[in-house]
Amino acid sequence: MAPTTRRRRLRRSGPSRPRMGAMRMNKAHGITKENLLASLPAVLANDDNMAALASAVAEVLAARVGEIERVSIYSQIDRLPNELLDILANDFKVDWWDANYTLEEKRRTLKDSWNVHRRLGTKAAVVLAISAIYPDTQVSEWWEYGGKPYHFKLLIDATYEDVDPVRHQRVIDRVAFYKNLRSVLDEVEYYDAGGLATEYFGAACIGCELVDSAAAIRY
């Protein structure tokens, strides 16, 4: 058997190239040149041309961090104007959107829309949807008040909110969109801390006039 020979690897002289994971992240979540290069795969970091390109690109990206905030959407909702909120609602398929909402209603609706899309047909979706109009909204299910199976009521704290047929119709429209097909809305009760209440039954109503087999009782 021929004797084995040992071969020695010659190392290149000069500065070593960055390796994957060799550079420490200087900030946990910061977009810096160092952090970007630290994630460069070894196969690229060990190539002179790719390493030089990566360094140049990382430097440009790190210098433009301040521009990122301009294109973020969720964090900007409270500063966006009416018209832009309407456009975003269309882009994000907020099908229950109403251009006549107040500015605050639009902002709350857009913020909640991602959660609502995930929970359509559930109690949580109904609460989220109505909360954009009346922030303190609860759902009372049939067994909680002795109603018929799969029926429910809305209990809305309107202590600091206006109650009128227009806003009530928005509530009815949203409930119809969010609830599951099996569930039936018995009534919507608006109440305040002073004990006053307004009840709307089922569909839309104007004052105490009967509309679409629905009546309103104010007391």
C-alpha atoms as a PDB file:
ATOM      1  CA  MET A   1       0.000   0.000   0.000  1.00  0.00           C
ATOM      2  CA  ALA A   2       1.432   3.333  -0.982  1.00  0.00           C
ATOM      3  CA  PRO A   3       2.216   5.710   1.874  1.00  0.00           C
ATOM      4  CA  THR A   4      -0.269   8.498   2.363  1.00  0.00           C
ATOM      5  CA  THR A   5       0.871  12.016   1.848  1.00  0.00           C
ATOM      6  CA  ARG A   6      -0.420  14.978   3.782  1.00  0.00           C
ATOM      7  CA  ARG A   7      -1.342  18.073   1.873  1.00  0.00           C
ATOM      8  CA  ARG A   8      -1.275  21.490   3.415  1.00  0.00           C
ATOM      9  CA  ARG A   9      -3.743  24.166   2.341  1.00  0.00           C
ATOM     10  CA  LEU A  10      -2.221  27.495   1.579  1.00  0.00           C
ATOM     11  CA  ARG A  11      -4.140  30.475   2.886  1.00  0.00           C
ATOM     12  CA  ARG A  12      -4.451  33.588   0.837  1.00  0.00           C
ATOM     13  CA  SER A  13      -2.864  36.651   2.253  1.00  0.00           C
ATOM     14  CA  GLY A  14      -4.872  39.805   2.867  1.00  0.00           C
ATOM     15  CA  PRO A  15      -8.008  40.603   4.831  1.00  0.00           C
ATOM     16  CA  SER A  16     -10.490  37.787   5.336  1.00  0.00           C
ATOM     17  CA  ARG A  17     -13.925  38.030   3.820  1.00  0.00           C
ATOM     18  CA  PRO A  18     -17.044  38.194   5.972  1.00  0.00           C
ATOM     19  CA  ARG A  19     -18.619  34.828   6.638  1.00  0.00           C
ATOM     20  CA  MET A  20     -22.208  33.980   7.400  1.00  0.00           C
ATOM     21  CA  GLY A  21     -22.806  34.780  11.057  1.00  0.00           C
ATOM     22  CA  ALA A  22     -19.278  36.104  11.495  1.00  0.00           C
ATOM     23  CA  MET A  23     -20.455  39.684  11.987  1.00  0.00           C
ATOM     24  CA  ARG A  24     -22.507  40.415  15.073  1.00  0.00           C
ATOM     25  CA  MET A  25     -25.767  42.291  14.840  1.00  0.00           C
ATOM     26  CA  ASN A  26     -25.174  45.639  16.496  1.00  0.00           C
ATOM     27  CA  LYS A  27     -28.894  46.246  17.080  1.00  0.00           C
ATOM     28  CA  ALA A  28     -31.475  43.517  17.509  1.00  0.00           C
ATOM     29  CA  HIS A  29     -33.887  44.905  14.935  1.00  0.00           C
ATOM     30  CA  GLY A  30     -31.963  47.700  13.303  1.00  0.00           C
ATOM     31  CA  ILE A  31     -31.506  47.988   9.551  1.00  0.00           C
ATOM     32  CA  THR A  32     -27.819  48.826   9.375  1.00  0.00           C
ATOM     33  CA  LYS A  33     -25.055  47.983   6.941  1.00  0.00           C
ATOM     34  CA  GLU A  34     -23.501  45.637   9.477  1.00  0.00           C
ATOM     35  CA  ASN A  35     -26.756  43.785  10.152  1.00  0.00           C
ATOM     36  CA  LEU A  36     -27.495  43.342   6.461  1.00  0.00           C
ATOM     37  CA  LEU A  37     -24.021  41.970   5.751  1.00  0.00           C
ATOM     38  CA  ALA A  38     -24.256  39.643   8.753  1.00  0.00           C
ATOM     39  CA  SER A  39     -27.072  37.780   7.011  1.00  0.00           C
ATOM     40  CA  LEU A  40     -25.142  37.320   3.768  1.00  0.00           C
ATOM     41  CA  PRO A  41     -24.747  33.586   2.978  1.00  0.00           C
ATOM     42  CA  ALA A  42     -21.198  32.266   3.070  1.00  0.00           C
ATOM     43  CA  VAL A  43     -21.266  31.257  -0.595  1.00  0.00           C
ATOM     44  CA  LEU A  44     -21.758  34.936  -1.504  1.00  0.00           C
ATOM     45  CA  ALA A  45     -19.594  36.417   1.234  1.00  0.00           C
ATOM     46  CA  ASN A  46     -16.626  34.361   0.020  1.00  0.00           C
ATOM     47  CA  ASP A  47     -16.902  35.760  -3.489  1.00  0.00           C
ATOM     48  CA  ASP A  48     -15.025  39.046  -3.869  1.00  0.00           C
ATOM     49  CA  ASN A  49     -17.398  40.490  -6.452  1.00  0.00           C
ATOM     50  CA  MET A  50     -20.566  39.515  -4.583  1.00  0.00           C
ATOM     51  CA  ALA A  51     -19.172  40.739  -1.271  1.00  0.00           C
ATOM     52  CA  ALA A  52     -18.359  44.122  -2.812  1.00  0.00           C
ATOM     53  CA  LEU A  53     -21.825  44.365  -4.362  1.00  0.00           C
ATOM     54  CA  ALA A  54     -23.492  43.383  -1.083  1.00  0.00           C
ATOM     55  CA  SER A  55     -21.503  46.004   0.791  1.00  0.00           C
ATOM     56  CA  ALA A  56     -22.545  48.732  -1.645  1.00  0.00           C
ATOM     57  CA  VAL A  57     -26.218  47.720  -1.583  1.00  0.00           C
ATOM     58  CA  ALA A  58     -26.264  47.444   2.221  1.00  0.00           C
ATOM     59  CA  GLU A  59     -24.821  50.933   2.521  1.00  0.00           C
ATOM     60  CA  VAL A  60     -27.543  52.393   0.278  1.00  0.00           C
ATOM     61  CA  LEU A  61     -30.354  50.541   2.084  1.00  0.00           C
ATOM     62  CA  ALA A  62     -29.123  51.544   5.535  1.00  0.00           C
ATOM     63  CA  ALA A  63     -29.043  55.188   4.476  1.00  0.00           C
ATOM     64  CA  ARG A  64     -32.736  55.114   3.480  1.00  0.00           C
ATOM     65  CA  VAL A  65     -34.220  53.758   6.701  1.00  0.00           C
ATOM     66  CA  GLY A  66     -35.967  57.072   7.292  1.00  0.00           C
ATOM     67  CA  GLU A  67     -38.047  56.577   4.141  1.00  0.00           C
ATOM     68  CA  ILE A  68     -39.559  53.277   5.290  1.00  0.00           C
ATOM     69  CA  GLU A  69     -42.095  55.006   7.536  1.00  0.00           C
ATOM     70  CA  ARG A  70     -43.576  56.749   4.523  1.00  0.00           C
ATOM     71  CA  VAL A  71     -44.849  53.525   2.983  1.00  0.00           C
ATOM     72  CA  SER A  72     -46.000  51.803   6.167  1.00  0.00           C
ATOM     73  CA  ILE A  73     -49.782  51.655   6.310  1.00  0.00           C
ATOM     74  CA  TYR A  74     -51.067  50.477   9.678  1.00  0.00           C
ATOM     75  CA  SER A  75     -48.990  52.892  11.759  1.00  0.00           C
ATOM     76  CA  GLN A  76     -50.123  55.803   9.565  1.00  0.00           C
ATOM     77  CA  ILE A  77     -53.889  55.212   9.721  1.00  0.00           C
ATOM     78  CA  ASP A  78     -54.486  57.849  12.398  1.00  0.00           C
ATOM     79  CA  ARG A  79     -52.808  60.455  10.205  1.00  0.00           C
ATOM     80  CA  LEU A  80     -54.295  59.588   6.817  1.00  0.00           C
ATOM     81  CA  PRO A  81     -56.940  61.842   5.228  1.00  0.00           C
ATOM     82  CA  ASN A  82     -60.482  60.795   4.348  1.00  0.00           C
ATOM     83  CA  GLU A  83     -59.850  60.214   0.643  1.00  0.00           C
ATOM     84  CA  LEU A  84     -56.846  57.961   1.186  1.00  0.00           C
ATOM     85  CA  LEU A  85     -58.721  55.880   3.756  1.00  0.00           C
ATOM     86  CA  ASP A  86     -61.417  55.247   1.131  1.00  0.00           C
ATOM     87  CA  ILE A  87     -58.782  54.082  -1.354  1.00  0.00           C
ATOM     88  CA  LEU A  88     -57.136  51.744   1.171  1.00  0.00           C
ATOM     89  CA  ALA A  89     -60.512  50.276   2.130  1.00  0.00           C
ATOM     90  CA  ASN A  90     -61.090  49.391  -1.515  1.00  0.00           C
ATOM     91  CA  ASP A  91     -57.581  47.957  -1.901  1.00  0.00           C
ATOM     92  CA  PHE A  92     -57.939  45.775   1.200  1.00  0.00           C
ATOM     93  CA  LYS A  93     -61.438  44.539   0.284  1.00  0.00           C
ATOM     94  CA  VAL A  94     -63.234  46.096   3.237  1.00  0.00           C
ATOM     95  CA  ASP A  95     -66.603  45.253   1.691  1.00  0.00           C
ATOM     96  CA  TRP A  96     -68.627  46.719   4.570  1.00  0.00           C
ATOM     97  CA  TRP A  97     -67.029  50.156   4.080  1.00  0.00           C
ATOM     98  CA  ASP A  98     -69.236  53.230   3.828  1.00  0.00           C
ATOM     99  CA  ALA A  99     -67.785  56.457   2.433  1.00  0.00           C
ATOM    100  CA  ASN A 100     -70.201  58.350   4.691  1.00  0.00           C
ATOM    101  CA  TYR A 101     -68.556  57.109   7.874  1.00  0.00           C
ATOM    102  CA  THR A 102     -66.997  59.774  10.066  1.00  0.00           C
ATOM    103  CA  LEU A 103     -63.210  60.062   9.973  1.00  0.00           C
ATOM    104  CA  GLU A 104     -62.878  58.268  13.319  1.00  0.00           C
ATOM    105  CA  GLU A 105     -65.223  55.483  12.209  1.00  0.00           C
ATOM    106  CA  LYS A 106     -63.173  55.002   9.059  1.00  0.00           C
ATOM    107  CA  ARG A 107     -59.930  54.780  10.986  1.00  0.00           C
ATOM    108  CA  ARG A 108     -61.305  52.278  13.471  1.00  0.00           C
ATOM    109  CA  THR A 109     -62.904  50.229  10.683  1.00  0.00           C
ATOM    110  CA  LEU A 110     -59.683  50.008   8.677  1.00  0.00           C
ATOM    111  CA  LYS A 111     -57.634  49.093  11.747  1.00  0.00           C
ATOM    112  CA  ASP A 112     -60.018  46.279  12.626  1.00  0.00           C
ATOM    113  CA  SER A 113     -60.537  45.013   9.074  1.00  0.00           C
ATOM    114  CA  TRP A 114     -57.655  42.510   9.135  1.00  0.00           C
ATOM    115  CA  ASN A 115     -59.001  40.857  12.290  1.00  0.00           C
ATOM    116  CA  VAL A 116     -62.565  40.926  10.983  1.00  0.00           C
ATOM    117  CA  HIS A 117     -61.580  39.147   7.766  1.00  0.00           C
ATOM    118  CA  ARG A 118     -60.096  36.341   9.866  1.00  0.00           C
ATOM    119  CA  ARG A 119     -63.204  36.015  12.054  1.00  0.00           C
ATOM    120  CA  LEU A 120     -66.145  36.511   9.701  1.00  0.00           C
ATOM    121  CA  GLY A 121     -69.230  34.646  10.876  1.00  0.00           C
ATOM    122  CA  THR A 122     -68.266  34.709  14.561  1.00  0.00           C
ATOM    123  CA  LYS A 123     -69.361  36.644  17.639  1.00  0.00           C
ATOM    124  CA  ALA A 124     -65.941  38.306  17.754  1.00  0.00           C
ATOM    125  CA  ALA A 125     -66.349  39.604  14.199  1.00  0.00           C
ATOM    126  CA  VAL A 126     -69.705  41.203  15.050  1.00  0.00           C
ATOM    127  CA  VAL A 127     -68.267  42.899  18.143  1.00  0.00           C
ATOM    128  CA  LEU A 128     -65.235  44.173  16.231  1.00  0.00           C
ATOM    129  CA  ALA A 129     -67.346  45.491  13.392  1.00  0.00           C
ATOM    130  CA  ILE A 130     -69.869  47.370  15.530  1.00  0.00           C
ATOM    131  CA  SER A 131     -67.124  48.673  17.817  1.00  0.00           C
ATOM    132  CA  ALA A 132     -65.882  50.826  14.952  1.00  0.00           C
ATOM    133  CA  ILE A 133     -69.173  52.755  15.246  1.00  0.00           C
ATOM    134  CA  TYR A 134     -69.856  52.291  18.954  1.00  0.00           C
ATOM    135  CA  PRO A 135     -66.625  51.346  20.780  1.00  0.00           C
ATOM    136  CA  ASP A 136     -68.363  49.700  23.764  1.00  0.00           C
ATOM    137  CA  THR A 137     -70.455  46.955  22.155  1.00  0.00           C
ATOM    138  CA  GLN A 138     -71.427  43.556  23.530  1.00  0.00           C
ATOM    139  CA  VAL A 139     -73.249  40.554  22.103  1.00  0.00           C
ATOM    140  CA  SER A 140     -75.785  38.802  24.328  1.00  0.00           C
ATOM    141  CA  GLU A 141     -76.446  35.275  23.056  1.00  0.00           C
ATOM    142  CA  TRP A 142     -79.822  33.539  23.250  1.00  0.00           C
ATOM    143  CA  TRP A 143     -79.164  31.435  26.330  1.00  0.00           C
ATOM    144  CA  GLU A 144     -78.127  34.540  28.267  1.00  0.00           C
ATOM    145  CA  TYR A 145     -81.563  36.173  28.023  1.00  0.00           C
ATOM    146  CA  GLY A 146     -83.883  33.216  27.390  1.00  0.00           C
ATOM    147  CA  GLY A 147     -84.262  33.755  23.659  1.00  0.00           C
ATOM    148  CA  LYS A 148     -84.713  31.281  20.845  1.00  0.00           C
ATOM    149  CA  PRO A 149     -81.743  29.130  19.811  1.00  0.00           C
ATOM    150  CA  TYR A 150     -79.207  30.931  17.601  1.00  0.00           C
ATOM    151  CA  HIS A 151     -80.760  34.340  18.281  1.00  0.00           C
ATOM    152  CA  PHE A 152     -78.796  37.197  19.835  1.00  0.00           C
ATOM    153  CA  LYS A 153     -79.002  40.826  20.943  1.00  0.00           C
ATOM    154  CA  LEU A 154     -76.611  43.736  20.679  1.00  0.00           C
ATOM    155  CA  LEU A 155     -76.016  45.795  23.816  1.00  0.00           C
ATOM    156  CA  ILE A 156     -74.435  49.129  22.958  1.00  0.00           C
ATOM    157  CA  ASP A 157     -73.207  51.685  25.479  1.00  0.00           C
ATOM    158  CA  ALA A 158     -74.198  54.995  23.910  1.00  0.00           C
ATOM    159  CA  THR A 159     -73.484  57.147  26.960  1.00  0.00           C
ATOM    160  CA  TYR A 160     -71.128  59.377  25.008  1.00  0.00           C
ATOM    161  CA  GLU A 161     -72.384  58.588  21.514  1.00  0.00           C
ATOM    162  CA  ASP A 162     -75.243  59.826  19.346  1.00  0.00           C
ATOM    163  CA  VAL A 163     -78.057  57.384  18.591  1.00  0.00           C
ATOM    164  CA  ASP A 164     -80.056  58.012  15.444  1.00  0.00           C
ATOM    165  CA  PRO A 165     -81.665  55.983  12.632  1.00  0.00           C
ATOM    166  CA  VAL A 166     -78.726  56.596  10.264  1.00  0.00           C
ATOM    167  CA  ARG A 167     -76.128  55.156  12.628  1.00  0.00           C
ATOM    168  CA  HIS A 168     -78.516  52.387  13.579  1.00  0.00           C
ATOM    169  CA  GLN A 169     -78.809  51.387   9.919  1.00  0.00           C
ATOM    170  CA  ARG A 170     -75.019  51.156   9.762  1.00  0.00           C
ATOM    171  CA  VAL A 171     -75.131  48.788  12.719  1.00  0.00           C
ATOM    172  CA  ILE A 172     -77.782  46.619  11.028  1.00  0.00           C
ATOM    173  CA  ASP A 173     -75.826  46.525   7.757  1.00  0.00           C
ATOM    174  CA  ARG A 174     -72.666  45.449   9.527  1.00  0.00           C
ATOM    175  CA  VAL A 175     -74.394  42.763  11.540  1.00  0.00           C
ATOM    176  CA  ALA A 176     -75.879  41.307   8.348  1.00  0.00           C
ATOM    177  CA  PHE A 177     -72.423  41.154   6.781  1.00  0.00           C
ATOM    178  CA  TYR A 178     -70.474  39.742   9.759  1.00  0.00           C
ATOM    179  CA  LYS A 179     -72.787  37.255  11.440  1.00  0.00           C
ATOM    180  CA  ASN A 180     -73.169  33.677  10.279  1.00  0.00           C
ATOM    181  CA  LEU A 181     -76.266  32.860   8.213  1.00  0.00           C
ATOM    182  CA  ARG A 182     -77.831  30.779  10.975  1.00  0.00           C
ATOM    183  CA  SER A 183     -77.888  33.547  13.603  1.00  0.00           C
ATOM    184  CA  VAL A 184     -80.808  35.965  13.982  1.00  0.00           C
ATOM    185  CA  LEU A 185     -80.604  39.434  15.503  1.00  0.00           C
ATOM    186  CA  ASP A 186     -83.534  39.994  17.895  1.00  0.00           C
ATOM    187  CA  GLU A 187     -82.854  43.587  18.851  1.00  0.00           C
ATOM    188  CA  VAL A 188     -80.295  46.311  19.402  1.00  0.00           C
ATOM    189  CA  GLU A 189     -80.373  48.022  22.770  1.00  0.00           C
ATOM    190  CA  TYR A 190     -78.623  51.347  23.242  1.00  0.00           C
ATOM    191  CA  TYR A 191     -78.138  52.344  26.856  1.00  0.00           C
ATOM    192  CA  ASP A 192     -76.327  54.947  28.928  1.00  0.00           C
ATOM    193  CA  ALA A 193     -75.020  55.100  32.479  1.00  0.00           C
ATOM    194  CA  GLY A 194     -78.069  57.125  33.548  1.00  0.00           C
ATOM    195  CA  GLY A 195     -80.388  54.220  32.812  1.00  0.00           C
ATOM    196  CA  LEU A 196     -81.969  55.602  29.642  1.00  0.00           C
ATOM    197  CA  ALA A 197     -82.294  53.210  26.755  1.00  0.00           C
ATOM    198  CA  THR A 198     -83.387  52.971  23.155  1.00  0.00           C
ATOM    199  CA  GLU A 199     -84.324  49.651  21.615  1.00  0.00           C
ATOM    200  CA  TYR A 200     -84.425  48.913  17.908  1.00  0.00           C
ATOM    201  CA  PHE A 201     -85.878  45.607  16.826  1.00  0.00           C
ATOM    202  CA  GLY A 202     -84.201  43.757  13.988  1.00  0.00           C
ATOM    203  CA  ALA A 203     -84.270  45.838  10.838  1.00  0.00           C
ATOM    204  CA  ALA A 204     -84.057  49.564  10.301  1.00  0.00           C
ATOM    205  CA  CYS A 205     -86.512  51.983  11.829  1.00  0.00           C
ATOM    206  CA  ILE A 206     -87.220  55.688  11.967  1.00  0.00           C
ATOM    207  CA  GLY A 207     -88.548  56.992  15.248  1.00  0.00           C
ATOM    208  CA  CYS A 208     -91.480  54.806  16.289  1.00  0.00           C
ATOM    209  CA  GLU A 209     -92.668  54.280  12.757  1.00  0.00           C
ATOM    210  CA  LEU A 210     -92.971  50.692  11.595  1.00  0.00           C
ATOM    211  CA  VAL A 211     -90.464  50.012   8.818  1.00  0.00           C
ATOM    212  CA  ASP A 212     -89.953  46.555   7.282  1.00  0.00           C
ATOM    213  CA  SER A 213     -91.831  44.933  10.172  1.00  0.00           C
ATOM    214  CA  ALA A 214     -89.551  46.627  12.684  1.00  0.00           C
ATOM    215  CA  ALA A 215     -90.378  49.020  15.487  1.00  0.00           C
ATOM    216  CA  ALA A 216     -88.410  51.331  17.739  1.00  0.00           C
ATOM    217  CA  ILE A 217     -89.154  51.899  21.397  1.00  0.00           C
ATOM    218  CA  ARG A 218     -87.506  54.828  23.160  1.00  0.00           C
ATOM    219  CA  TYR A 219     -87.624  55.173  26.923  1.00  0.00           C
END
